[in-house]
Amino acid sequence: MKKWLRAALIMAVVGAAATGAYLYFRPSNVSAQATVTTARVTRGTIASYVSAVGNLEAHRSVDLSFGQSGTVQTIDVQLGGEVKAGDVLAELDTTELELQLRSAEVSLKNAQLNLAEAQTPATEADIATARAAYESAQATYDDLAAGPSATELAVAQASVASAQAAYNSAVAAANAGDSSLASAAANLEKARLTLQEAQGAYDRVSWRGDVAASSQAAALQTATIDYNTAKASYESTAATSGTDTASKVASALASLRSAQANLADLKNQTTEADLASARAAVLAAQEELDTLLAGPDATAVAQARNSVETAQINLEQVKLQLEGARIVAPFDGVITAVNITVGESASGAAFTLADLNNLEIVVSMAETDVNQIQSGQDVEITLDAVADLTLHGAVSQVAPAGTQSSGVVTYPVTVALTEANESARAGMTANLNIILSQRENVLTVPNKYVKTAKGQKVVTINTGGTQVQVPVEVGLTDDTHTEIVSGLNEGDTVVSVSTASSSTASTETQMRSGGGMMGGMLGGGMPGGAPPGR
């Protein structure tokens, strides 16, 4: 009996509670029939996000130019063409540069040879040759400085005396037969002696720089003319005299001249100029020998090394100019602009190259949202130009500093597409939902079934045909669903009562006041919204 009474009492309490809830939440002025809808508590995925709008653009886009001026010779790509990193896109006429390259290569080789020569020590054979040259030069100088020996002079003087006696005898014999020839011979001998004296006087001053203008030079010239005149007179007279006699006189005279010339050479063979020249030869040979004995000269080696470096720099400069005479793709991409023509002078940007396989969107986020955004967060993307297409991406960069415009501070955030789609093109308008938080396999109910009563989130459930309002703890909220952390079980039926009239505020709309773009936070505060395509 007591059990029956207890059950009846419980039923009465539940009925009273349901009646009170209905009276509490019913419209203040019901002007139409109430509509009751139901839904089940299910498990699913729910996320909170912030939204932004931007445009698709290439991850990398660069204007490419030649490194120097010149005439365009070849263009190897066309607008819209795909290229790989390292592909040659265009070249200038490099005829002159190629000649400069060859010249620079030859100059470098010569400089390297000179350096090798400067660094190479002298061989024993080189040193021996240099020593022999020095000794020879020294011996020559010593001979010149010492002059002729007494024996050499005596022999030469004896030869002159003998030749003079033979000549005198021949002349005397000729005189006996022809006095004219004797007179011509005497004149010739006198002229010869005068010429010999003039020659000796000239030789003694021949080292002087003004010797040509000296009196000795004038005297030598006069004596030479007189001698040639006497010689011609003698030869003419001898020709008309007896042939045998004239021949003997001429032979004797030739022998005398030879002996006299030998004696003169001995006496006058060394001049100051000769000694100076021999002394210079000794010094040069000594310097050469000393250089070889000392080994490679440090200064010469340094200079030769500098020459090699200079030649290397010149060569590298020409190579750089050759590299600048062609344009090479720095990365894989598509040619989006061609601004040159074959035969024209190159100037400015020749091509624009873009990496269209890696698209991204740069959006400006408000300072109130940027602290919730981090690199790596997933992003769902829709395009205005392509219906029913949802792309996926990820935050790749969040700018550390913001920009200010008209008093509003925003921060550039870069989102990179993580999947390729041929419908997505650079320049298209993109709508982004940056997912801040996401929960999977959680209990969810449609948003309209979650109400607020006296600061508490509540849901009306259908239990045994009776509608009961229960408090719940909510988590994430998007545009369509709310996460139920506690208070409901999977499979529970939730109930929503609404009216068709719009002139009277309903309990449902009163409970959802205060929502907006930043609604849907944990417990009512986190940013929320439905990802595209949900």
Protein backbone atom coordinates (compact mmCIF):
# COMPACT_ATOMS: atom_id res chain seq x y z
CA MET A 1 0.00 0.00 0.00
CA LYS A 2 2.82 2.35 0.93
CA LYS A 3 4.63 1.58 -2.34
CA TRP A 4 1.52 2.50 -4.31
CA LEU A 5 1.15 5.78 -2.43
CA ARG A 6 4.83 6.63 -2.98
CA ALA A 7 4.53 6.01 -6.73
CA ALA A 8 1.42 8.10 -6.94
CA LEU A 9 3.11 10.92 -5.08
CA ILE A 10 6.09 10.87 -7.47
CA MET A 11 3.79 10.93 -10.49
CA ALA A 12 1.98 13.93 -9.05
CA VAL A 13 5.21 15.80 -8.46
CA VAL A 14 6.49 15.12 -11.98
CA GLY A 15 3.20 16.22 -13.49
CA ALA A 16 3.22 19.38 -11.43
CA ALA A 17 6.79 20.10 -12.52
CA ALA A 18 5.95 19.62 -16.18
CA THR A 19 2.91 21.83 -15.86
CA GLY A 20 4.96 24.51 -14.11
CA ALA A 21 7.67 24.37 -16.78
CA TYR A 22 5.15 24.75 -19.52
CA LEU A 23 3.50 27.69 -17.79
CA TYR A 24 6.93 29.29 -17.17
CA PHE A 25 8.20 29.00 -20.72
CA ARG A 26 4.98 29.45 -22.68
CA PRO A 27 4.63 32.64 -24.72
CA SER A 28 3.35 35.62 -22.77
CA ASN A 29 0.65 36.12 -25.33
CA VAL A 30 -0.05 33.05 -27.46
CA SER A 31 -1.80 34.09 -30.59
CA ALA A 32 -1.27 30.87 -32.59
CA GLN A 33 -1.04 27.14 -32.18
CA ALA A 34 2.28 25.98 -30.61
CA THR A 35 4.55 23.81 -32.77
CA VAL A 36 6.52 21.03 -31.09
CA THR A 37 9.68 19.63 -32.74
CA THR A 38 11.98 16.90 -31.49
CA ALA A 39 15.48 15.66 -32.14
CA ARG A 40 17.76 12.99 -30.75
CA VAL A 41 21.02 13.49 -28.92
CA THR A 42 23.73 12.12 -31.25
CA ARG A 43 27.48 11.95 -31.38
CA GLY A 44 29.44 13.97 -33.92
CA THR A 45 32.21 16.48 -34.54
CA ILE A 46 31.87 20.13 -33.63
CA ALA A 47 34.30 23.01 -34.02
CA SER A 48 34.68 26.68 -33.20
CA TYR A 49 36.31 29.00 -35.72
CA VAL A 50 36.87 32.55 -36.90
CA SER A 51 36.06 33.61 -40.44
CA ALA A 52 37.90 35.80 -42.93
CA VAL A 53 37.85 36.64 -46.63
CA GLY A 54 40.86 36.94 -48.95
CA ASN A 55 42.12 36.03 -52.40
CA LEU A 56 44.09 33.05 -53.63
CA GLU A 57 47.63 33.96 -54.61
CA ALA A 58 50.80 32.13 -55.51
CA HIS A 59 53.06 31.16 -52.65
CA ARG A 60 55.99 32.47 -54.66
CA SER A 61 55.88 34.99 -57.48
CA VAL A 62 58.89 36.83 -58.83
CA ASP A 63 59.80 39.20 -61.66
CA LEU A 64 62.85 37.92 -63.54
CA SER A 65 65.30 40.24 -65.33
CA PHE A 66 68.62 39.91 -67.15
CA GLY A 67 71.70 40.70 -65.10
CA GLN A 68 73.00 43.12 -67.72
CA SER A 69 72.01 44.99 -70.84
CA GLY A 70 72.11 43.48 -74.29
CA THR A 71 70.09 42.30 -77.26
CA VAL A 72 67.62 39.46 -76.72
CA GLN A 73 68.75 36.50 -78.82
CA THR A 74 66.44 33.65 -77.77
CA ILE A 75 63.19 33.23 -75.79
CA ASP A 76 62.62 29.61 -74.77
CA VAL A 77 59.21 29.87 -73.02
CA GLN A 78 55.78 31.29 -73.71
CA LEU A 79 52.99 32.75 -71.62
CA GLY A 80 51.38 30.09 -69.46
CA GLY A 81 54.23 27.65 -69.96
CA GLU A 82 55.33 25.43 -67.09
CA VAL A 83 59.02 25.43 -66.22
CA LYS A 84 61.31 23.60 -63.83
CA ALA A 85 63.94 25.09 -61.58
CA GLY A 86 67.12 25.56 -63.63
CA ASP A 87 65.40 25.85 -67.00
CA VAL A 88 66.84 28.58 -69.26
CA LEU A 89 64.05 31.01 -70.12
CA ALA A 90 65.89 33.49 -72.40
CA GLU A 91 69.40 34.53 -73.49
CA LEU A 92 71.13 37.66 -74.76
CA ASP A 93 73.68 37.83 -77.59
CA THR A 94 76.95 36.79 -75.89
CA THR A 95 79.42 36.91 -78.81
CA GLU A 96 81.53 39.70 -77.30
CA LEU A 97 81.35 38.23 -73.80
CA GLU A 98 82.60 34.86 -75.05
CA LEU A 99 85.66 36.57 -76.58
CA GLN A 100 86.25 38.35 -73.29
CA LEU A 101 86.02 35.01 -71.52
CA ARG A 102 88.69 33.45 -73.74
CA SER A 103 90.97 36.44 -73.22
CA ALA A 104 90.50 36.26 -69.45
CA GLU A 105 91.27 32.53 -69.45
CA VAL A 106 94.53 33.10 -71.38
CA SER A 107 95.54 35.93 -69.02
CA LEU A 108 94.95 33.67 -66.04
CA LYS A 109 97.08 30.88 -67.54
CA ASN A 110 99.93 33.31 -68.22
CA ALA A 111 99.75 34.67 -64.69
CA GLN A 112 99.83 31.14 -63.30
CA LEU A 113 102.90 30.30 -65.40
CA ASN A 114 104.66 33.44 -64.16
CA LEU A 115 103.84 32.50 -60.58
CA ALA A 116 105.15 28.98 -61.07
CA GLU A 117 108.35 30.38 -62.57
CA ALA A 118 108.78 32.82 -59.69
CA GLN A 119 108.29 30.03 -57.15
CA THR A 120 110.67 27.58 -58.86
CA PRO A 121 114.22 27.54 -57.35
CA ALA A 122 117.25 27.57 -59.65
CA THR A 123 118.70 24.22 -60.74
CA GLU A 124 122.34 23.29 -60.31
CA ALA A 125 122.80 23.69 -64.04
CA ASP A 126 121.38 27.23 -63.92
CA ILE A 127 123.71 28.15 -61.08
CA ALA A 128 126.71 26.64 -62.88
CA THR A 129 125.91 28.59 -66.05
CA ALA A 130 125.52 31.83 -64.10
CA ARG A 131 128.81 31.26 -62.27
CA ALA A 132 130.65 30.59 -65.55
CA ALA A 133 129.20 33.78 -67.04
CA TYR A 134 130.34 35.75 -64.01
CA GLU A 135 133.85 34.32 -64.16
CA SER A 136 134.09 35.02 -67.88
CA ALA A 137 132.98 38.62 -67.42
CA GLN A 138 135.47 39.07 -64.61
CA ALA A 139 138.31 37.64 -66.70
CA THR A 140 137.46 39.97 -69.60
CA TYR A 141 137.48 42.96 -67.29
CA ASP A 142 140.77 41.93 -65.73
CA ASP A 143 142.40 41.58 -69.19
CA LEU A 144 141.19 45.00 -70.25
CA ALA A 145 142.29 46.62 -67.04
CA ALA A 146 145.75 45.03 -67.16
CA GLY A 147 146.46 46.06 -70.81
CA PRO A 148 149.01 44.34 -73.17
CA SER A 149 152.05 42.53 -71.72
CA ALA A 150 155.68 43.64 -72.35
CA THR A 151 156.32 40.60 -74.48
CA GLU A 152 153.30 41.31 -76.68
CA LEU A 153 154.45 44.91 -77.16
CA ALA A 154 158.02 43.85 -77.97
CA VAL A 155 156.90 41.36 -80.57
CA ALA A 156 154.57 43.91 -82.16
CA GLN A 157 157.26 46.59 -82.23
CA ALA A 158 159.74 44.16 -83.78
CA SER A 159 157.20 43.30 -86.46
CA VAL A 160 156.76 47.00 -87.26
CA ALA A 161 160.54 47.56 -87.47
CA SER A 162 160.98 44.58 -89.77
CA ALA A 163 158.11 45.63 -92.01
CA GLN A 164 159.43 49.20 -92.07
CA ALA A 165 162.88 48.02 -93.16
CA ALA A 166 161.39 45.88 -95.92
CA TYR A 167 159.28 48.74 -97.10
CA ASN A 168 162.19 51.17 -97.09
CA SER A 169 164.24 48.75 -99.12
CA ALA A 170 161.47 48.34 -101.67
CA VAL A 171 161.02 52.08 -101.94
CA ALA A 172 164.78 52.60 -102.34
CA ALA A 173 164.85 50.06 -105.15
CA ALA A 174 161.93 51.74 -106.79
CA ASN A 175 163.58 55.15 -106.40
CA ALA A 176 166.54 53.99 -108.25
CA GLY A 177 164.31 53.35 -111.23
CA ASP A 178 161.67 56.06 -110.77
CA SER A 179 162.02 59.19 -108.63
CA SER A 180 158.28 60.04 -109.04
CA LEU A 181 157.23 56.83 -107.39
CA ALA A 182 159.63 57.47 -104.52
CA SER A 183 158.16 60.91 -103.97
CA ALA A 184 154.59 59.51 -103.98
CA ALA A 185 155.59 56.81 -101.57
CA ALA A 186 157.15 59.35 -99.20
CA ASN A 187 154.00 61.47 -99.26
CA LEU A 188 151.86 58.42 -98.56
CA GLU A 189 154.04 57.43 -95.60
CA LYS A 190 153.82 60.94 -94.18
CA ALA A 191 150.05 60.95 -94.54
CA ARG A 192 149.83 57.55 -92.85
CA LEU A 193 151.82 58.70 -89.86
CA THR A 194 149.63 61.79 -89.51
CA LEU A 195 146.49 59.65 -89.71
CA GLN A 196 147.87 57.25 -87.11
CA GLU A 197 148.58 60.11 -84.68
CA ALA A 198 145.11 61.59 -85.28
CA GLN A 199 143.48 58.19 -84.71
CA GLY A 200 145.35 57.71 -81.43
CA ALA A 201 144.35 61.18 -80.23
CA TYR A 202 140.71 60.49 -81.12
CA ASP A 203 140.67 57.08 -79.42
CA ARG A 204 141.84 58.65 -76.18
CA VAL A 205 138.73 60.87 -76.02
CA SER A 206 136.22 58.57 -77.74
CA TRP A 207 134.47 57.80 -74.43
CA ARG A 208 133.30 61.39 -74.15
CA GLY A 209 129.68 62.16 -75.05
CA ASP A 210 130.72 65.20 -77.18
CA VAL A 211 133.54 63.43 -79.03
CA ALA A 212 131.94 64.10 -82.44
CA ALA A 213 132.34 67.85 -81.93
CA SER A 214 135.90 67.68 -80.55
CA SER A 215 139.09 68.96 -82.27
CA GLN A 216 140.41 65.38 -82.28
CA ALA A 217 137.45 64.30 -84.43
CA ALA A 218 138.12 67.20 -86.86
CA ALA A 219 141.82 66.37 -87.02
CA LEU A 220 141.05 62.68 -87.65
CA GLN A 221 138.72 63.62 -90.50
CA THR A 222 141.37 65.88 -92.13
CA ALA A 223 144.11 63.25 -91.73
CA THR A 224 141.84 60.61 -93.27
CA ILE A 225 141.19 62.81 -96.33
CA ASP A 226 144.95 63.56 -96.75
CA TYR A 227 145.82 59.89 -96.44
CA ASN A 228 143.26 58.84 -99.05
CA THR A 229 144.58 61.54 -101.41
CA ALA A 230 148.22 60.42 -100.96
CA LYS A 231 147.20 56.81 -101.41
CA ALA A 232 145.42 57.55 -104.66
CA SER A 233 148.46 59.54 -105.96
CA TYR A 234 150.82 56.74 -105.05
CA GLU A 235 148.68 54.05 -106.63
CA SER A 236 148.38 56.11 -109.82
CA THR A 237 152.17 56.64 -110.00
CA ALA A 238 152.87 53.01 -109.26
CA ALA A 239 150.58 51.95 -112.06
CA THR A 240 152.75 53.79 -114.59
CA SER A 241 156.02 52.51 -113.08
CA GLY A 242 157.59 49.13 -113.51
CA THR A 243 155.12 46.42 -112.57
CA ASP A 244 157.51 44.30 -110.56
CA THR A 245 158.91 47.23 -108.60
CA ALA A 246 155.49 48.62 -107.84
CA SER A 247 154.29 45.23 -106.72
CA LYS A 248 157.16 44.87 -104.28
CA VAL A 249 156.59 48.32 -102.83
CA ALA A 250 152.84 47.67 -102.44
CA SER A 251 153.45 44.33 -100.76
CA ALA A 252 155.99 45.84 -98.39
CA LEU A 253 153.62 48.69 -97.60
CA ALA A 254 150.76 46.27 -96.83
CA SER A 255 152.95 44.30 -94.46
CA LEU A 256 154.02 47.50 -92.76
CA ARG A 257 150.45 48.66 -92.33
CA SER A 258 149.43 45.32 -90.82
CA ALA A 259 152.30 45.39 -88.33
CA GLN A 260 151.58 49.00 -87.43
CA ALA A 261 147.84 48.22 -86.94
CA ASN A 262 148.65 45.34 -84.62
CA LEU A 263 150.92 47.55 -82.53
CA ALA A 264 148.28 50.29 -82.40
CA ASP A 265 145.65 47.80 -81.27
CA LEU A 266 147.88 46.65 -78.44
CA LYS A 267 148.57 50.18 -77.30
CA ASN A 268 145.01 51.52 -77.68
CA GLN A 269 142.87 48.43 -77.15
CA THR A 270 141.42 49.53 -73.76
CA THR A 271 139.41 52.75 -73.44
CA GLU A 272 137.43 54.10 -70.48
CA ALA A 273 134.25 53.09 -72.27
CA ASP A 274 135.56 49.55 -72.69
CA LEU A 275 136.38 49.32 -69.00
CA ALA A 276 132.99 50.73 -67.99
CA SER A 277 131.17 48.23 -70.21
CA ALA A 278 133.24 45.32 -68.89
CA ARG A 279 132.62 46.44 -65.30
CA ALA A 280 128.83 46.60 -65.94
CA ALA A 281 128.91 43.09 -67.40
CA VAL A 282 130.65 41.82 -64.25
CA LEU A 283 128.07 43.43 -61.98
CA ALA A 284 125.15 42.05 -64.00
CA ALA A 285 126.60 38.55 -63.96
CA GLN A 286 127.24 38.81 -60.22
CA GLU A 287 123.63 39.95 -59.58
CA GLU A 288 122.22 37.09 -61.64
CA LEU A 289 124.36 34.56 -59.76
CA ASP A 290 123.39 36.00 -56.37
CA THR A 291 119.69 35.88 -57.32
CA LEU A 292 119.88 32.24 -58.27
CA LEU A 293 121.79 31.35 -55.12
CA ALA A 294 119.26 33.22 -52.90
CA GLY A 295 116.30 31.20 -54.25
CA PRO A 296 112.81 32.54 -55.19
CA ASP A 297 112.37 36.23 -54.45
CA ALA A 298 109.56 36.83 -51.94
CA THR A 299 108.54 40.12 -53.52
CA ALA A 300 108.47 38.65 -57.00
CA VAL A 301 106.42 35.69 -55.79
CA ALA A 302 103.94 38.00 -54.04
CA GLN A 303 103.58 40.15 -57.13
CA ALA A 304 103.08 37.07 -59.31
CA ARG A 305 100.47 35.74 -56.88
CA ASN A 306 98.65 39.08 -56.97
CA SER A 307 98.67 38.91 -60.73
CA VAL A 308 97.07 35.47 -60.61
CA GLU A 309 94.39 36.72 -58.22
CA THR A 310 93.66 39.73 -60.41
CA ALA A 311 93.37 37.50 -63.49
CA GLN A 312 91.06 35.15 -61.56
CA ILE A 313 88.83 38.06 -60.54
CA ASN A 314 88.66 39.28 -64.13
CA LEU A 315 87.68 35.79 -65.27
CA GLU A 316 84.97 35.49 -62.62
CA GLN A 317 83.59 38.89 -63.59
CA VAL A 318 83.24 37.80 -67.21
CA LYS A 319 81.58 34.55 -66.10
CA LEU A 320 79.12 36.55 -63.99
CA GLN A 321 78.35 38.71 -67.00
CA LEU A 322 77.69 35.58 -69.04
CA GLU A 323 75.39 34.27 -66.32
CA GLY A 324 73.62 37.62 -66.31
CA ALA A 325 73.08 37.27 -70.06
CA ARG A 326 70.53 34.54 -69.49
CA ILE A 327 67.50 34.07 -67.25
CA VAL A 328 67.12 30.78 -65.37
CA ALA A 329 64.01 29.70 -63.50
CA PRO A 330 64.72 29.80 -59.74
CA PHE A 331 61.89 27.38 -58.92
CA ASP A 332 59.19 25.26 -60.54
CA GLY A 333 56.27 27.35 -61.73
CA VAL A 334 54.24 28.91 -64.53
CA ILE A 335 55.15 31.92 -66.69
CA THR A 336 52.44 34.48 -65.99
CA ALA A 337 53.95 37.40 -67.97
CA VAL A 338 56.37 37.79 -70.94
CA ASN A 339 57.67 41.34 -71.50
CA ILE A 340 60.52 40.89 -74.04
CA THR A 341 60.88 40.30 -77.79
CA VAL A 342 63.75 38.74 -79.77
CA GLY A 343 66.00 41.40 -81.26
CA GLU A 344 65.08 44.12 -78.79
CA SER A 345 67.27 45.55 -76.05
CA ALA A 346 66.55 43.98 -72.69
CA SER A 347 65.37 46.26 -69.89
CA GLY A 348 63.19 45.83 -66.83
CA ALA A 349 61.35 42.65 -65.90
CA ALA A 350 61.45 40.09 -68.71
CA PHE A 351 59.17 37.46 -67.14
CA THR A 352 56.94 36.89 -64.15
CA LEU A 353 57.17 33.39 -62.69
CA ALA A 354 54.63 32.09 -60.17
CA ASP A 355 54.36 28.84 -58.21
CA LEU A 356 50.69 28.10 -58.87
CA ASN A 357 50.91 24.57 -57.44
CA ASN A 358 51.22 26.06 -53.96
CA LEU A 359 48.47 28.61 -53.45
CA GLU A 360 47.89 30.62 -50.29
CA ILE A 361 45.62 33.31 -48.92
CA VAL A 362 46.79 36.27 -46.86
CA VAL A 363 43.99 37.74 -44.72
CA SER A 364 43.95 40.55 -42.18
CA MET A 365 42.72 39.44 -38.76
CA ALA A 366 41.43 41.77 -36.05
CA GLU A 367 43.56 42.19 -32.97
CA THR A 368 40.76 40.64 -30.92
CA ASP A 369 41.04 37.39 -32.89
CA VAL A 370 44.73 37.06 -33.71
CA ASN A 371 45.78 35.64 -30.33
CA GLN A 372 43.54 32.63 -30.96
CA ILE A 373 45.28 31.83 -34.25
CA GLN A 374 48.41 29.69 -34.39
CA SER A 375 50.51 28.12 -37.13
CA GLY A 376 49.29 24.67 -38.04
CA GLN A 377 45.59 25.25 -37.36
CA ASP A 378 43.30 23.65 -39.93
CA VAL A 379 41.32 25.89 -42.27
CA GLU A 380 38.27 25.16 -44.40
CA ILE A 381 38.01 27.21 -47.59
CA THR A 382 35.22 27.89 -50.06
CA LEU A 383 35.44 29.88 -53.29
CA ASP A 384 32.85 32.33 -54.57
CA ALA A 385 33.62 31.26 -58.13
CA VAL A 386 33.24 27.51 -57.54
CA ALA A 387 30.05 26.27 -55.91
CA ASP A 388 29.92 23.18 -53.69
CA LEU A 389 33.71 23.02 -53.35
CA THR A 390 35.42 22.93 -49.97
CA LEU A 391 39.20 23.06 -49.87
CA HIS A 392 41.45 22.45 -46.91
CA GLY A 393 44.42 24.41 -45.73
CA ALA A 394 46.48 25.29 -42.70
CA VAL A 395 47.74 28.44 -41.06
CA SER A 396 51.39 28.79 -42.18
CA GLN A 397 52.29 32.15 -40.69
CA VAL A 398 50.96 34.72 -38.23
CA ALA A 399 52.59 38.14 -38.51
CA PRO A 400 54.34 39.15 -35.25
CA ALA A 401 53.46 42.82 -35.79
CA GLY A 402 50.23 44.41 -36.91
CA THR A 403 49.45 47.22 -39.32
CA GLN A 404 47.27 50.18 -38.55
CA SER A 405 44.83 51.82 -40.94
CA SER A 406 42.25 54.44 -39.94
CA GLY A 407 42.84 53.55 -36.31
CA VAL A 408 42.14 49.83 -36.86
CA VAL A 409 44.93 47.35 -36.14
CA THR A 410 45.02 44.13 -38.12
CA TYR A 411 47.51 41.28 -38.40
CA PRO A 412 48.35 39.50 -41.69
CA VAL A 413 47.73 35.76 -41.41
CA THR A 414 48.86 33.42 -44.19
CA VAL A 415 46.90 30.24 -44.96
CA ALA A 416 48.42 27.65 -47.30
CA LEU A 417 46.26 25.21 -49.26
CA THR A 418 47.14 21.64 -48.33
CA GLU A 419 45.43 20.11 -51.35
CA ALA A 420 45.50 20.96 -55.03
CA ASN A 421 42.41 21.50 -57.15
CA GLU A 422 42.40 22.52 -60.79
CA SER A 423 39.37 24.75 -60.20
CA ALA A 424 41.26 26.93 -57.74
CA ARG A 425 43.03 29.77 -59.53
CA ALA A 426 45.14 32.64 -58.30
CA GLY A 427 43.04 35.76 -57.74
CA MET A 428 39.79 34.00 -56.79
CA THR A 429 37.89 35.22 -53.71
CA ALA A 430 38.25 32.75 -50.85
CA ASN A 431 36.12 32.44 -47.69
CA LEU A 432 38.07 31.03 -44.76
CA ASN A 433 37.02 29.37 -41.53
CA ILE A 434 40.05 29.01 -39.29
CA ILE A 435 39.27 26.20 -36.87
CA LEU A 436 40.24 27.26 -33.37
CA SER A 437 39.05 24.15 -31.54
CA GLN A 438 37.46 20.90 -32.61
CA ARG A 439 35.86 18.07 -30.67
CA GLU A 440 35.15 14.68 -32.19
CA ASN A 441 32.73 11.97 -31.10
CA VAL A 442 30.95 14.24 -28.62
CA LEU A 443 27.23 14.52 -27.75
CA THR A 444 25.50 17.23 -29.76
CA VAL A 445 22.03 18.68 -30.16
CA PRO A 446 20.73 21.26 -32.63
CA ASN A 447 21.21 24.79 -31.31
CA LYS A 448 17.51 25.61 -31.09
CA TYR A 449 16.96 22.96 -28.39
CA VAL A 450 19.34 24.66 -25.97
CA LYS A 451 17.68 27.39 -23.91
CA THR A 452 18.79 29.69 -21.12
CA ALA A 453 16.76 29.96 -17.98
CA LYS A 454 17.92 32.14 -15.09
CA GLY A 455 21.55 31.98 -16.29
CA GLN A 456 21.48 28.20 -16.69
CA LYS A 457 21.56 26.28 -19.99
CA VAL A 458 18.60 23.90 -20.10
CA VAL A 459 17.16 21.39 -22.56
CA THR A 460 13.63 19.96 -22.60
CA ILE A 461 13.53 16.18 -23.00
CA ASN A 462 10.72 13.75 -23.63
CA THR A 463 10.65 11.07 -20.95
CA GLY A 464 7.87 8.55 -21.06
CA GLY A 465 5.64 10.94 -22.96
CA THR A 466 6.35 13.70 -20.48
CA GLN A 467 8.39 16.82 -21.30
CA VAL A 468 10.97 17.58 -18.61
CA GLN A 469 13.38 20.50 -18.57
CA VAL A 470 16.89 19.48 -17.40
CA PRO A 471 19.99 21.63 -16.83
CA VAL A 472 22.98 20.84 -19.09
CA GLU A 473 26.64 21.81 -19.37
CA VAL A 474 27.56 22.87 -22.90
CA GLY A 475 30.91 23.04 -24.69
CA LEU A 476 31.61 24.20 -28.23
CA THR A 477 28.87 25.70 -30.37
CA ASP A 478 28.81 26.21 -34.12
CA ASP A 479 26.09 27.55 -36.40
CA THR A 480 23.99 24.40 -36.17
CA HIS A 481 24.92 22.30 -33.14
CA THR A 482 25.98 22.61 -29.52
CA GLU A 483 28.21 20.20 -27.63
CA ILE A 484 26.60 18.66 -24.52
CA VAL A 485 29.26 17.99 -21.90
CA SER A 486 26.87 16.64 -19.27
CA GLY A 487 23.15 16.40 -18.50
CA LEU A 488 22.05 14.26 -21.48
CA ASN A 489 22.70 10.80 -22.83
CA GLU A 490 23.10 9.61 -26.39
CA GLY A 491 19.68 8.77 -27.81
CA ASP A 492 17.70 11.10 -25.55
CA THR A 493 14.85 12.92 -27.30
CA VAL A 494 14.93 16.70 -26.94
CA VAL A 495 11.88 18.90 -27.45
CA SER A 496 11.40 22.43 -28.70
CA VAL A 497 8.10 24.34 -28.57
CA SER A 498 7.57 27.35 -30.83
CA THR A 499 4.67 29.30 -32.27
CA ALA A 500 3.93 30.44 -35.81
CA SER A 501 3.23 34.03 -34.69
CA SER A 502 6.01 36.56 -35.10
CA SER A 503 4.22 39.43 -33.36
CA THR A 504 4.70 37.95 -29.90
CA ALA A 505 8.16 37.20 -28.54
CA SER A 506 8.56 33.53 -27.73
CA THR A 507 10.47 31.97 -24.92
CA GLU A 508 12.94 30.46 -27.43
CA THR A 509 13.94 33.80 -28.95
CA GLN A 510 14.16 35.42 -25.56
CA MET A 511 16.53 32.74 -24.40
CA ARG A 512 18.86 33.11 -27.44
CA SER A 513 19.30 36.86 -27.19
CA GLY A 514 22.86 38.11 -26.99
CA GLY A 515 24.21 35.90 -29.81
CA GLY A 516 26.32 37.11 -32.71
CA MET A 517 29.48 36.45 -34.67
CA MET A 518 31.47 35.77 -31.53
CA GLY A 519 28.72 33.68 -29.93
CA GLY A 520 29.18 29.97 -29.29
CA MET A 521 31.95 30.07 -26.72
CA LEU A 522 32.56 27.35 -24.17
CA GLY A 523 29.62 27.86 -21.85
CA GLY A 524 28.50 30.67 -24.20
CA GLY A 525 31.79 32.54 -24.91
CA MET A 526 34.02 30.87 -27.53
CA PRO A 527 33.83 32.10 -31.16
CA GLY A 528 31.69 29.75 -33.23
CA GLY A 529 30.10 29.02 -36.54
CA ALA A 530 29.54 26.14 -38.87
CA PRO A 531 32.46 25.16 -41.06
CA PRO A 532 31.68 25.40 -44.76
CA GLY A 533 29.83 22.44 -46.15
CA ARG A 534 28.55 21.28 -42.76
